[in-house]
Amino acid sequence: MPIYAYRCEECGFAKDVLQKISDPQLTECPSCGKSTFRKQVTAAGFQLKGTGWYVTDFRGGSAPATGVAGGAKADAPAASSAPAAEASAPAPAPAPAAASGDKK
């Protein structure tokens, strides 16, 4: 459940409230009792934890990491990644040899 910041426009009382998104907004100030309690616009408060995805995860070759997500180098694949992929692909099977009994 998200935490919403409220502030009374009359007395200045502020409070953070844990509410469901579907819950109605609070309007009555718990401090002065007036109906001037308003929800404030605040920055999202979350943290990304764990290994996650980084711009360098899918980079091939030994190119140095830029550390900037969405940069021009991060969008283009490294030049050394394509030949490496082709070299590791299995070779096509040889064509079947003609039977020894078939002479032309």
PDB file of N, CA and C in Angstrom:
ATOM      1  N   MET A   1       0.843  -1.185   0.000  1.00  0.00           N
ATOM      2  CA  MET A   1       0.000   0.000   0.000  1.00  0.00           C
ATOM      3  C   MET A   1       0.886   1.245   0.000  1.00  0.00           C
ATOM      4  N   PRO A   2       0.490   2.241  -0.760  1.00  0.00           N
ATOM      5  CA  PRO A   2       1.277   3.473  -0.801  1.00  0.00           C
ATOM      6  C   PRO A   2       1.092   4.343   0.442  1.00  0.00           C
ATOM      7  N   ILE A   3       2.066   5.171   0.684  1.00  0.00           N
ATOM      8  CA  ILE A   3       2.002   6.142   1.774  1.00  0.00           C
ATOM      9  C   ILE A   3       1.798   7.512   1.152  1.00  0.00           C
ATOM     10  N   TYR A   4       0.750   8.198   1.566  1.00  0.00           N
ATOM     11  CA  TYR A   4       0.426   9.522   1.031  1.00  0.00           C
ATOM     12  C   TYR A   4       0.717  10.581   2.084  1.00  0.00           C
ATOM     13  N   ALA A   5       1.216  11.724   1.631  1.00  0.00           N
ATOM     14  CA  ALA A   5       1.487  12.854   2.514  1.00  0.00           C
ATOM     15  C   ALA A   5       0.293  13.801   2.457  1.00  0.00           C
ATOM     16  N   TYR A   6      -0.226  14.171   3.629  1.00  0.00           N
ATOM     17  CA  TYR A   6      -1.329  15.124   3.742  1.00  0.00           C
ATOM     18  C   TYR A   6      -0.858  16.333   4.523  1.00  0.00           C
ATOM     19  N   ARG A   7      -1.479  17.483   4.240  1.00  0.00           N
ATOM     20  CA  ARG A   7      -1.161  18.716   4.972  1.00  0.00           C
ATOM     21  C   ARG A   7      -2.414  19.564   5.056  1.00  0.00           C
ATOM     22  N   CYS A   8      -2.642  20.131   6.228  1.00  0.00           N
ATOM     23  CA  CYS A   8      -3.791  21.011   6.437  1.00  0.00           C
ATOM     24  C   CYS A   8      -3.440  22.411   5.943  1.00  0.00           C
ATOM     25  N   GLU A   9      -4.299  22.965   5.098  1.00  0.00           N
ATOM     26  CA  GLU A   9      -4.068  24.318   4.572  1.00  0.00           C
ATOM     27  C   GLU A   9      -4.353  25.386   5.625  1.00  0.00           C
ATOM     28  N   GLU A  10      -5.129  25.053   6.634  1.00  0.00           N
ATOM     29  CA  GLU A  10      -5.508  26.026   7.668  1.00  0.00           C
ATOM     30  C   GLU A  10      -4.450  26.120   8.772  1.00  0.00           C
ATOM     31  N   CYS A  11      -4.113  24.990   9.400  1.00  0.00           N
ATOM     32  CA  CYS A  11      -3.202  25.037  10.548  1.00  0.00           C
ATOM     33  C   CYS A  11      -1.783  24.566  10.224  1.00  0.00           C
ATOM     34  N   GLY A  12      -1.564  23.945   9.042  1.00  0.00           N
ATOM     35  CA  GLY A  12      -0.224  23.507   8.664  1.00  0.00           C
ATOM     36  C   GLY A  12       0.149  22.128   9.169  1.00  0.00           C
ATOM     37  N   PHE A  13      -0.776  21.416   9.854  1.00  0.00           N
ATOM     38  CA  PHE A  13      -0.503  20.080  10.354  1.00  0.00           C
ATOM     39  C   PHE A  13      -0.213  19.147   9.174  1.00  0.00           C
ATOM     40  N   ALA A  14       0.849  18.343   9.268  1.00  0.00           N
ATOM     41  CA  ALA A  14       1.221  17.411   8.200  1.00  0.00           C
ATOM     42  C   ALA A  14       1.290  15.995   8.755  1.00  0.00           C
ATOM     43  N   LYS A  15       0.886  15.031   7.927  1.00  0.00           N
ATOM     44  CA  LYS A  15       0.879  13.642   8.360  1.00  0.00           C
ATOM     45  C   LYS A  15       1.014  12.739   7.135  1.00  0.00           C
ATOM     46  N   ASP A  16       1.776  11.651   7.279  1.00  0.00           N
ATOM     47  CA  ASP A  16       1.870  10.618   6.251  1.00  0.00           C
ATOM     48  C   ASP A  16       0.891   9.510   6.607  1.00  0.00           C
ATOM     49  N   VAL A  17       0.095   9.085   5.616  1.00  0.00           N
ATOM     50  CA  VAL A  17      -0.970   8.112   5.861  1.00  0.00           C
ATOM     51  C   VAL A  17      -0.795   6.928   4.910  1.00  0.00           C
ATOM     52  N   LEU A  18      -0.857   5.716   5.478  1.00  0.00           N
ATOM     53  CA  LEU A  18      -0.808   4.489   4.696  1.00  0.00           C
ATOM     54  C   LEU A  18      -2.224   4.173   4.239  1.00  0.00           C
ATOM     55  N   GLN A  19      -2.470   4.226   2.919  1.00  0.00           N
ATOM     56  CA  GLN A  19      -3.806   4.023   2.378  1.00  0.00           C
ATOM     57  C   GLN A  19      -3.757   3.155   1.135  1.00  0.00           C
ATOM     58  N   LYS A  20      -4.870   2.481   0.861  1.00  0.00           N
ATOM     59  CA  LYS A  20      -5.029   1.794  -0.417  1.00  0.00           C
ATOM     60  C   LYS A  20      -5.281   2.854  -1.483  1.00  0.00           C
ATOM     61  N   ILE A  21      -5.011   2.508  -2.725  1.00  0.00           N
ATOM     62  CA  ILE A  21      -5.267   3.454  -3.812  1.00  0.00           C
ATOM     63  C   ILE A  21      -6.760   3.725  -3.926  1.00  0.00           C
ATOM     64  N   SER A  22      -7.579   2.708  -3.640  1.00  0.00           N
ATOM     65  CA  SER A  22      -9.025   2.845  -3.766  1.00  0.00           C
ATOM     66  C   SER A  22      -9.675   3.566  -2.580  1.00  0.00           C
ATOM     67  N   ASP A  23      -8.939   3.807  -1.490  1.00  0.00           N
ATOM     68  CA  ASP A  23      -9.508   4.517  -0.331  1.00  0.00           C
ATOM     69  C   ASP A  23      -9.784   5.976  -0.690  1.00  0.00           C
ATOM     70  N   PRO A  24     -10.859   6.544  -0.127  1.00  0.00           N
ATOM     71  CA  PRO A  24     -11.143   7.963  -0.394  1.00  0.00           C
ATOM     72  C   PRO A  24     -10.091   8.862   0.271  1.00  0.00           C
ATOM     73  N   GLN A  25      -9.894  10.050  -0.312  1.00  0.00           N
ATOM     74  CA  GLN A  25      -8.948  10.998   0.260  1.00  0.00           C
ATOM     75  C   GLN A  25      -9.469  11.513   1.592  1.00  0.00           C
ATOM     76  N   LEU A  26      -8.541  11.777   2.497  1.00  0.00           N
ATOM     77  CA  LEU A  26      -8.911  12.372   3.779  1.00  0.00           C
ATOM     78  C   LEU A  26      -9.125  13.866   3.571  1.00  0.00           C
ATOM     79  N   THR A  27     -10.131  14.416   4.219  1.00  0.00           N
ATOM     80  CA  THR A  27     -10.401  15.849   4.073  1.00  0.00           C
ATOM     81  C   THR A  27     -10.428  16.576   5.411  1.00  0.00           C
ATOM     82  N   GLU A  28     -10.704  15.855   6.507  1.00  0.00           N
ATOM     83  CA  GLU A  28     -10.797  16.496   7.817  1.00  0.00           C
ATOM     84  C   GLU A  28      -9.469  16.416   8.548  1.00  0.00           C
ATOM     85  N   CYS A  29      -8.951  17.561   8.959  1.00  0.00           N
ATOM     86  CA  CYS A  29      -7.672  17.641   9.665  1.00  0.00           C
ATOM     87  C   CYS A  29      -7.817  17.032  11.062  1.00  0.00           C
ATOM     88  N   PRO A  30      -6.933  16.088  11.435  1.00  0.00           N
ATOM     89  CA  PRO A  30      -7.010  15.511  12.774  1.00  0.00           C
ATOM     90  C   PRO A  30      -6.596  16.493  13.872  1.00  0.00           C
ATOM     91  N   SER A  31      -5.906  17.574  13.516  1.00  0.00           N
ATOM     92  CA  SER A  31      -5.435  18.536  14.495  1.00  0.00           C
ATOM     93  C   SER A  31      -6.478  19.617  14.800  1.00  0.00           C
ATOM     94  N   CYS A  32      -6.967  20.288  13.747  1.00  0.00           N
ATOM     95  CA  CYS A  32      -7.898  21.406  13.977  1.00  0.00           C
ATOM     96  C   CYS A  32      -9.351  21.045  13.648  1.00  0.00           C
ATOM     97  N   GLY A  33      -9.591  19.914  12.957  1.00  0.00           N
ATOM     98  CA  GLY A  33     -10.948  19.476  12.659  1.00  0.00           C
ATOM     99  C   GLY A  33     -11.584  20.129  11.447  1.00  0.00           C
ATOM    100  N   LYS A  34     -10.893  21.012  10.775  1.00  0.00           N
ATOM    101  CA  LYS A  34     -11.462  21.683   9.598  1.00  0.00           C
ATOM    102  C   LYS A  34     -11.287  20.795   8.362  1.00  0.00           C
ATOM    103  N   SER A  35     -12.067  21.073   7.317  1.00  0.00           N
ATOM    104  CA  SER A  35     -12.015  20.268   6.087  1.00  0.00           C
ATOM    105  C   SER A  35     -11.019  20.825   5.085  1.00  0.00           C
ATOM    106  N   THR A  36      -9.828  21.133   5.536  1.00  0.00           N
ATOM    107  CA  THR A  36      -8.802  21.682   4.657  1.00  0.00           C
ATOM    108  C   THR A  36      -7.577  20.769   4.595  1.00  0.00           C
ATOM    109  N   PHE A  37      -7.769  19.491   4.885  1.00  0.00           N
ATOM    110  CA  PHE A  37      -6.697  18.493   4.847  1.00  0.00           C
ATOM    111  C   PHE A  37      -6.572  18.022   3.402  1.00  0.00           C
ATOM    112  N   ARG A  38      -5.416  18.258   2.759  1.00  0.00           N
ATOM    113  CA  ARG A  38      -5.243  17.960   1.340  1.00  0.00           C
ATOM    114  C   ARG A  38      -4.050  17.027   1.120  1.00  0.00           C
ATOM    115  N   LYS A  39      -4.196  16.184   0.119  1.00  0.00           N
ATOM    116  CA  LYS A  39      -3.116  15.278  -0.271  1.00  0.00           C
ATOM    117  C   LYS A  39      -2.048  16.081  -1.003  1.00  0.00           C
ATOM    118  N   GLN A  40      -0.782  15.856  -0.653  1.00  0.00           N
ATOM    119  CA  GLN A  40       0.340  16.564  -1.257  1.00  0.00           C
ATOM    120  C   GLN A  40       0.936  15.737  -2.394  1.00  0.00           C
ATOM    121  N   VAL A  41       1.522  16.403  -3.367  1.00  0.00           N
ATOM    122  CA  VAL A  41       2.240  15.726  -4.440  1.00  0.00           C
ATOM    123  C   VAL A  41       3.684  15.566  -3.977  1.00  0.00           C
ATOM    124  N   THR A  42       4.147  14.326  -3.921  1.00  0.00           N
ATOM    125  CA  THR A  42       5.501  14.051  -3.452  1.00  0.00           C
ATOM    126  C   THR A  42       6.210  13.140  -4.445  1.00  0.00           C
ATOM    127  N   ALA A  43       7.518  13.038  -4.302  1.00  0.00           N
ATOM    128  CA  ALA A  43       8.318  12.145  -5.152  1.00  0.00           C
ATOM    129  C   ALA A  43       8.052  10.703  -4.735  1.00  0.00           C
ATOM    130  N   ALA A  44       8.157   9.808  -5.702  1.00  0.00           N
ATOM    131  CA  ALA A  44       7.969   8.385  -5.411  1.00  0.00           C
ATOM    132  C   ALA A  44       9.072   7.913  -4.485  1.00  0.00           C
ATOM    133  N   GLY A  45       8.719   7.159  -3.487  1.00  0.00           N
ATOM    134  CA  GLY A  45       9.702   6.666  -2.532  1.00  0.00           C
ATOM    135  C   GLY A  45       9.901   5.176  -2.677  1.00  0.00           C
ATOM    136  N   PHE A  46      10.768   4.756  -3.608  1.00  0.00           N
ATOM    137  CA  PHE A  46      11.066   3.346  -3.764  1.00  0.00           C
ATOM    138  C   PHE A  46      12.540   3.180  -4.086  1.00  0.00           C
ATOM    139  N   GLN A  47      13.033   1.977  -3.823  1.00  0.00           N
ATOM    140  CA  GLN A  47      14.430   1.685  -4.103  1.00  0.00           C
ATOM    141  C   GLN A  47      14.492   0.428  -4.953  1.00  0.00           C
ATOM    142  N   LEU A  48      15.407   0.417  -5.906  1.00  0.00           N
ATOM    143  CA  LEU A  48      15.627  -0.765  -6.718  1.00  0.00           C
ATOM    144  C   LEU A  48      16.741  -1.566  -6.070  1.00  0.00           C
ATOM    145  N   LYS A  49      16.429  -2.798  -5.687  1.00  0.00           N
ATOM    146  CA  LYS A  49      17.421  -3.644  -5.033  1.00  0.00           C
ATOM    147  C   LYS A  49      17.588  -4.925  -5.826  1.00  0.00           C
ATOM    148  N   GLY A  50      18.688  -5.605  -5.631  1.00  0.00           N
ATOM    149  CA  GLY A  50      18.937  -6.857  -6.319  1.00  0.00           C
ATOM    150  C   GLY A  50      19.863  -6.644  -7.503  1.00  0.00           C
ATOM    151  N   THR A  51      20.081  -7.720  -8.255  1.00  0.00           N
ATOM    152  CA  THR A  51      21.016  -7.632  -9.367  1.00  0.00           C
ATOM    153  C   THR A  51      20.439  -6.816 -10.498  1.00  0.00           C
ATOM    154  N   GLY A  52      19.195  -7.042 -10.866  1.00  0.00           N
ATOM    155  CA  GLY A  52      18.537  -6.213 -11.871  1.00  0.00           C
ATOM    156  C   GLY A  52      19.206  -6.253 -13.224  1.00  0.00           C
ATOM    157  N   TRP A  53      18.919  -5.275 -14.056  1.00  0.00           N
ATOM    158  CA  TRP A  53      19.469  -5.171 -15.403  1.00  0.00           C
ATOM    159  C   TRP A  53      20.317  -3.915 -15.471  1.00  0.00           C
ATOM    160  N   TYR A  54      21.443  -4.041 -16.060  1.00  0.00           N
ATOM    161  CA  TYR A  54      22.339  -2.916 -16.232  1.00  0.00           C
ATOM    162  C   TYR A  54      22.670  -2.758 -17.706  1.00  0.00           C
ATOM    163  N   VAL A  55      23.075  -1.595 -18.120  1.00  0.00           N
ATOM    164  CA  VAL A  55      23.385  -1.311 -19.516  1.00  0.00           C
ATOM    165  C   VAL A  55      24.530  -2.197 -20.012  1.00  0.00           C
ATOM    166  N   THR A  56      25.400  -2.661 -19.134  1.00  0.00           N
ATOM    167  CA  THR A  56      26.546  -3.466 -19.543  1.00  0.00           C
ATOM    168  C   THR A  56      26.249  -4.958 -19.567  1.00  0.00           C
ATOM    169  N   ASP A  57      25.056  -5.403 -19.190  1.00  0.00           N
ATOM    170  CA  ASP A  57      24.758  -6.835 -19.119  1.00  0.00           C
ATOM    171  C   ASP A  57      24.829  -7.533 -20.471  1.00  0.00           C
ATOM    172  N   PHE A  58      24.437  -6.889 -21.538  1.00  0.00           N
ATOM    173  CA  PHE A  58      24.376  -7.543 -22.831  1.00  0.00           C
ATOM    174  C   PHE A  58      25.434  -7.012 -23.794  1.00  0.00           C
ATOM    175  N   ARG A  59      26.435  -6.403 -23.274  1.00  0.00           N
ATOM    176  CA  ARG A  59      27.495  -5.824 -24.089  1.00  0.00           C
ATOM    177  C   ARG A  59      28.494  -6.929 -24.412  1.00  0.00           C
ATOM    178  N   GLY A  60      28.899  -7.017 -25.658  1.00  0.00           N
ATOM    179  CA  GLY A  60      29.883  -8.021 -26.052  1.00  0.00           C
ATOM    180  C   GLY A  60      31.255  -7.406 -26.179  1.00  0.00           C
ATOM    181  N   GLY A  61      32.265  -8.232 -26.234  1.00  0.00           N
ATOM    182  CA  GLY A  61      33.626  -7.740 -26.435  1.00  0.00           C
ATOM    183  C   GLY A  61      34.196  -7.124 -25.181  1.00  0.00           C
ATOM    184  N   SER A  62      35.274  -6.368 -25.368  1.00  0.00           N
ATOM    185  CA  SER A  62      35.958  -5.769 -24.227  1.00  0.00           C
ATOM    186  C   SER A  62      35.813  -4.260 -24.223  1.00  0.00           C
ATOM    187  N   ALA A  63      34.702  -3.744 -24.771  1.00  0.00           N
ATOM    188  CA  ALA A  63      34.484  -2.300 -24.778  1.00  0.00           C
ATOM    189  C   ALA A  63      34.266  -1.814 -23.354  1.00  0.00           C
ATOM    190  N   PRO A  64      34.826  -0.677 -22.975  1.00  0.00           N
ATOM    191  CA  PRO A  64      34.636  -0.173 -21.611  1.00  0.00           C
ATOM    192  C   PRO A  64      33.189   0.251 -21.392  1.00  0.00           C
ATOM    193  N   ALA A  65      32.705   0.023 -20.190  1.00  0.00           N
ATOM    194  CA  ALA A  65      31.331   0.399 -19.840  1.00  0.00           C
ATOM    195  C   ALA A  65      31.236   1.906 -19.672  1.00  0.00           C
ATOM    196  N   THR A  66      30.177   2.502 -20.204  1.00  0.00           N
ATOM    197  CA  THR A  66      30.002   3.945 -20.073  1.00  0.00           C
ATOM    198  C   THR A  66      29.325   4.294 -18.774  1.00  0.00           C
ATOM    199  N   GLY A  67      28.499   3.376 -18.261  1.00  0.00           N
ATOM    200  CA  GLY A  67      27.787   3.644 -17.021  1.00  0.00           C
ATOM    201  C   GLY A  67      26.590   4.550 -17.203  1.00  0.00           C
ATOM    202  N   VAL A  68      26.279   4.934 -18.439  1.00  0.00           N
ATOM    203  CA  VAL A  68      25.152   5.812 -18.705  1.00  0.00           C
ATOM    204  C   VAL A  68      24.093   5.013 -19.436  1.00  0.00           C
ATOM    205  N   ALA A  69      22.931   4.846 -18.825  1.00  0.00           N
ATOM    206  CA  ALA A  69      21.855   4.107 -19.463  1.00  0.00           C
ATOM    207  C   ALA A  69      21.262   4.948 -20.574  1.00  0.00           C
ATOM    208  N   GLY A  70      20.995   4.323 -21.709  1.00  0.00           N
ATOM    209  CA  GLY A  70      20.359   5.021 -22.813  1.00  0.00           C
ATOM    210  C   GLY A  70      21.304   5.834 -23.662  1.00  0.00           C
ATOM    211  N   GLY A  71      22.611   5.723 -23.447  1.00  0.00           N
ATOM    212  CA  GLY A  71      23.568   6.455 -24.262  1.00  0.00           C
ATOM    213  C   GLY A  71      23.640   5.859 -25.656  1.00  0.00           C
ATOM    214  N   ALA A  72      24.281   6.541 -26.563  1.00  0.00           N
ATOM    215  CA  ALA A  72      24.376   6.068 -27.942  1.00  0.00           C
ATOM    216  C   ALA A  72      25.136   4.760 -28.012  1.00  0.00           C
ATOM    217  N   LYS A  73      26.181   4.596 -27.227  1.00  0.00           N
ATOM    218  CA  LYS A  73      26.954   3.357 -27.252  1.00  0.00           C
ATOM    219  C   LYS A  73      26.166   2.207 -26.649  1.00  0.00           C
ATOM    220  N   ALA A  74      25.288   2.475 -25.699  1.00  0.00           N
ATOM    221  CA  ALA A  74      24.526   1.414 -25.052  1.00  0.00           C
ATOM    222  C   ALA A  74      23.465   0.858 -25.988  1.00  0.00           C
ATOM    223  N   ASP A  75      22.959   1.661 -26.924  1.00  0.00           N
ATOM    224  CA  ASP A  75      21.910   1.201 -27.821  1.00  0.00           C
ATOM    225  C   ASP A  75      22.464   0.359 -28.956  1.00  0.00           C
ATOM    226  N   ALA A  76      23.690   0.623 -29.398  1.00  0.00           N
ATOM    227  CA  ALA A  76      24.267  -0.097 -30.523  1.00  0.00           C
ATOM    228  C   ALA A  76      25.034  -1.302 -30.006  1.00  0.00           C
ATOM    229  N   PRO A  77      24.894  -2.468 -30.666  1.00  0.00           N
ATOM    230  CA  PRO A  77      25.660  -3.627 -30.217  1.00  0.00           C
ATOM    231  C   PRO A  77      27.140  -3.422 -30.509  1.00  0.00           C
ATOM    232  N   ALA A  78      27.974  -4.044 -29.711  1.00  0.00           N
ATOM    233  CA  ALA A  78      29.411  -3.924 -29.906  1.00  0.00           C
ATOM    234  C   ALA A  78      29.805  -4.618 -31.196  1.00  0.00           C
ATOM    235  N   ALA A  79      30.831  -4.102 -31.880  1.00  0.00           N
ATOM    236  CA  ALA A  79      31.248  -4.625 -33.178  1.00  0.00           C
ATOM    237  C   ALA A  79      31.775  -6.049 -33.062  1.00  0.00           C
ATOM    238  N   SER A  80      32.387  -6.423 -31.950  1.00  0.00           N
ATOM    239  CA  SER A  80      32.976  -7.745 -31.817  1.00  0.00           C
ATOM    240  C   SER A  80      31.960  -8.807 -31.430  1.00  0.00           C
ATOM    241  N   SER A  81      30.705  -8.444 -31.114  1.00  0.00           N
ATOM    242  CA  SER A  81      29.741  -9.444 -30.676  1.00  0.00           C
ATOM    243  C   SER A  81      29.188 -10.253 -31.837  1.00  0.00           C
ATOM    244  N   ALA A  82      29.043  -9.684 -33.043  1.00  0.00           N
ATOM    245  CA  ALA A  82      28.482 -10.408 -34.180  1.00  0.00           C
ATOM    246  C   ALA A  82      29.413 -11.517 -34.661  1.00  0.00           C
ATOM    247  N   PRO A  83      30.720 -11.274 -34.909  1.00  0.00           N
ATOM    248  CA  PRO A  83      31.590 -12.364 -35.352  1.00  0.00           C
ATOM    249  C   PRO A  83      31.706 -13.467 -34.307  1.00  0.00           C
ATOM    250  N   ALA A  84      31.687 -13.124 -33.047  1.00  0.00           N
ATOM    251  CA  ALA A  84      31.790 -14.141 -32.007  1.00  0.00           C
ATOM    252  C   ALA A  84      30.577 -15.053 -32.040  1.00  0.00           C
ATOM    253  N   ALA A  85      29.404 -14.497 -32.322  1.00  0.00           N
ATOM    254  CA  ALA A  85      28.196 -15.308 -32.377  1.00  0.00           C
ATOM    255  C   ALA A  85      28.256 -16.256 -33.582  1.00  0.00           C
ATOM    256  N   GLU A  86      28.792 -15.771 -34.719  1.00  0.00           N
ATOM    257  CA  GLU A  86      28.878 -16.616 -35.900  1.00  0.00           C
ATOM    258  C   GLU A  86      29.907 -17.718 -35.703  1.00  0.00           C
ATOM    259  N   ALA A  87      31.012 -17.432 -35.041  1.00  0.00           N
ATOM    260  CA  ALA A  87      32.064 -18.417 -34.838  1.00  0.00           C
ATOM    261  C   ALA A  87      31.602 -19.530 -33.919  1.00  0.00           C
ATOM    262  N   SER A  88      30.726 -19.242 -32.979  1.00  0.00           N
ATOM    263  CA  SER A  88      30.285 -20.262 -32.045  1.00  0.00           C
ATOM    264  C   SER A  88      29.107 -21.057 -32.576  1.00  0.00           C
ATOM    265  N   ALA A  89      28.545 -20.680 -33.715  1.00  0.00           N
ATOM    266  CA  ALA A  89      27.422 -21.413 -34.295  1.00  0.00           C
ATOM    267  C   ALA A  89      27.929 -22.719 -34.883  1.00  0.00           C
ATOM    268  N   PRO A  90      27.130 -23.792 -34.786  1.00  0.00           N
ATOM    269  CA  PRO A  90      27.584 -25.074 -35.329  1.00  0.00           C
ATOM    270  C   PRO A  90      27.705 -24.999 -36.851  1.00  0.00           C
ATOM    271  N   ALA A  91      28.672 -25.733 -37.386  1.00  0.00           N
ATOM    272  CA  ALA A  91      28.894 -25.759 -38.831  1.00  0.00           C
ATOM    273  C   ALA A  91      27.784 -26.562 -39.493  1.00  0.00           C
ATOM    274  N   PRO A  92      27.396 -26.195 -40.715  1.00  0.00           N
ATOM    275  CA  PRO A  92      26.353 -26.960 -41.388  1.00  0.00           C
ATOM    276  C   PRO A  92      26.834 -28.369 -41.709  1.00  0.00           C
ATOM    277  N   ALA A  93      25.905 -29.304 -41.733  1.00  0.00           N
ATOM    278  CA  ALA A  93      26.246 -30.698 -42.012  1.00  0.00           C
ATOM    279  C   ALA A  93      26.696 -30.829 -43.462  1.00  0.00           C
ATOM    280  N   PRO A  94      27.678 -31.683 -43.746  1.00  0.00           N
ATOM    281  CA  PRO A  94      28.131 -31.859 -45.121  1.00  0.00           C
ATOM    282  C   PRO A  94      27.052 -32.532 -45.971  1.00  0.00           C
ATOM    283  N   ALA A  95      27.093 -32.281 -47.250  1.00  0.00           N
ATOM    284  CA  ALA A  95      26.125 -32.883 -48.160  1.00  0.00           C
ATOM    285  C   ALA A  95      26.357 -34.386 -48.189  1.00  0.00           C
ATOM    286  N   PRO A  96      25.284 -35.156 -48.308  1.00  0.00           N
ATOM    287  CA  PRO A  96      25.464 -36.621 -48.336  1.00  0.00           C
ATOM    288  C   PRO A  96      26.265 -37.036 -49.566  1.00  0.00           C
ATOM    289  N   ALA A  97      27.150 -37.980 -49.376  1.00  0.00           N
ATOM    290  CA  ALA A  97      27.999 -38.480 -50.467  1.00  0.00           C
ATOM    291  C   ALA A  97      27.189 -39.381 -51.387  1.00  0.00           C
ATOM    292  N   ALA A  98      27.571 -39.427 -52.653  1.00  0.00           N
ATOM    293  CA  ALA A  98      26.882 -40.288 -53.600  1.00  0.00           C
ATOM    294  C   ALA A  98      27.162 -41.752 -53.240  1.00  0.00           C
ATOM    295  N   ALA A  99      26.191 -42.604 -53.433  1.00  0.00           N
ATOM    296  CA  ALA A  99      26.353 -44.026 -53.127  1.00  0.00           C
ATOM    297  C   ALA A  99      27.426 -44.607 -54.039  1.00  0.00           C
ATOM    298  N   SER A 100      28.200 -45.574 -53.543  1.00  0.00           N
ATOM    299  CA  SER A 100      29.292 -46.148 -54.305  1.00  0.00           C
ATOM    300  C   SER A 100      28.811 -46.908 -55.538  1.00  0.00           C
ATOM    301  N   GLY A 101      27.559 -47.346 -55.525  1.00  0.00           N
ATOM    302  CA  GLY A 101      27.035 -48.088 -56.669  1.00  0.00           C
ATOM    303  C   GLY A 101      26.591 -47.181 -57.795  1.00  0.00           C
ATOM    304  N   ASP A 102      26.463 -45.884 -57.556  1.00  0.00           N
ATOM    305  CA  ASP A 102      26.024 -44.958 -58.596  1.00  0.00           C
ATOM    306  C   ASP A 102      27.234 -44.429 -59.353  1.00  0.00           C
ATOM    307  N   LYS A 103      27.437 -44.900 -60.569  1.00  0.00           N
ATOM    308  CA  LYS A 103      28.533 -44.403 -61.376  1.00  0.00           C
ATOM    309  C   LYS A 103      27.942 -43.773 -62.606  1.00  0.00           C
ATOM    310  N   LYS A 104      28.471 -42.689 -63.022  1.00  0.00           N
ATOM    311  CA  LYS A 104      27.947 -42.011 -64.192  1.00  0.00           C
ATOM    312  C   LYS A 104      28.843 -42.182 -65.362  1.00  0.00           C
TER     313      LYS A 104
END
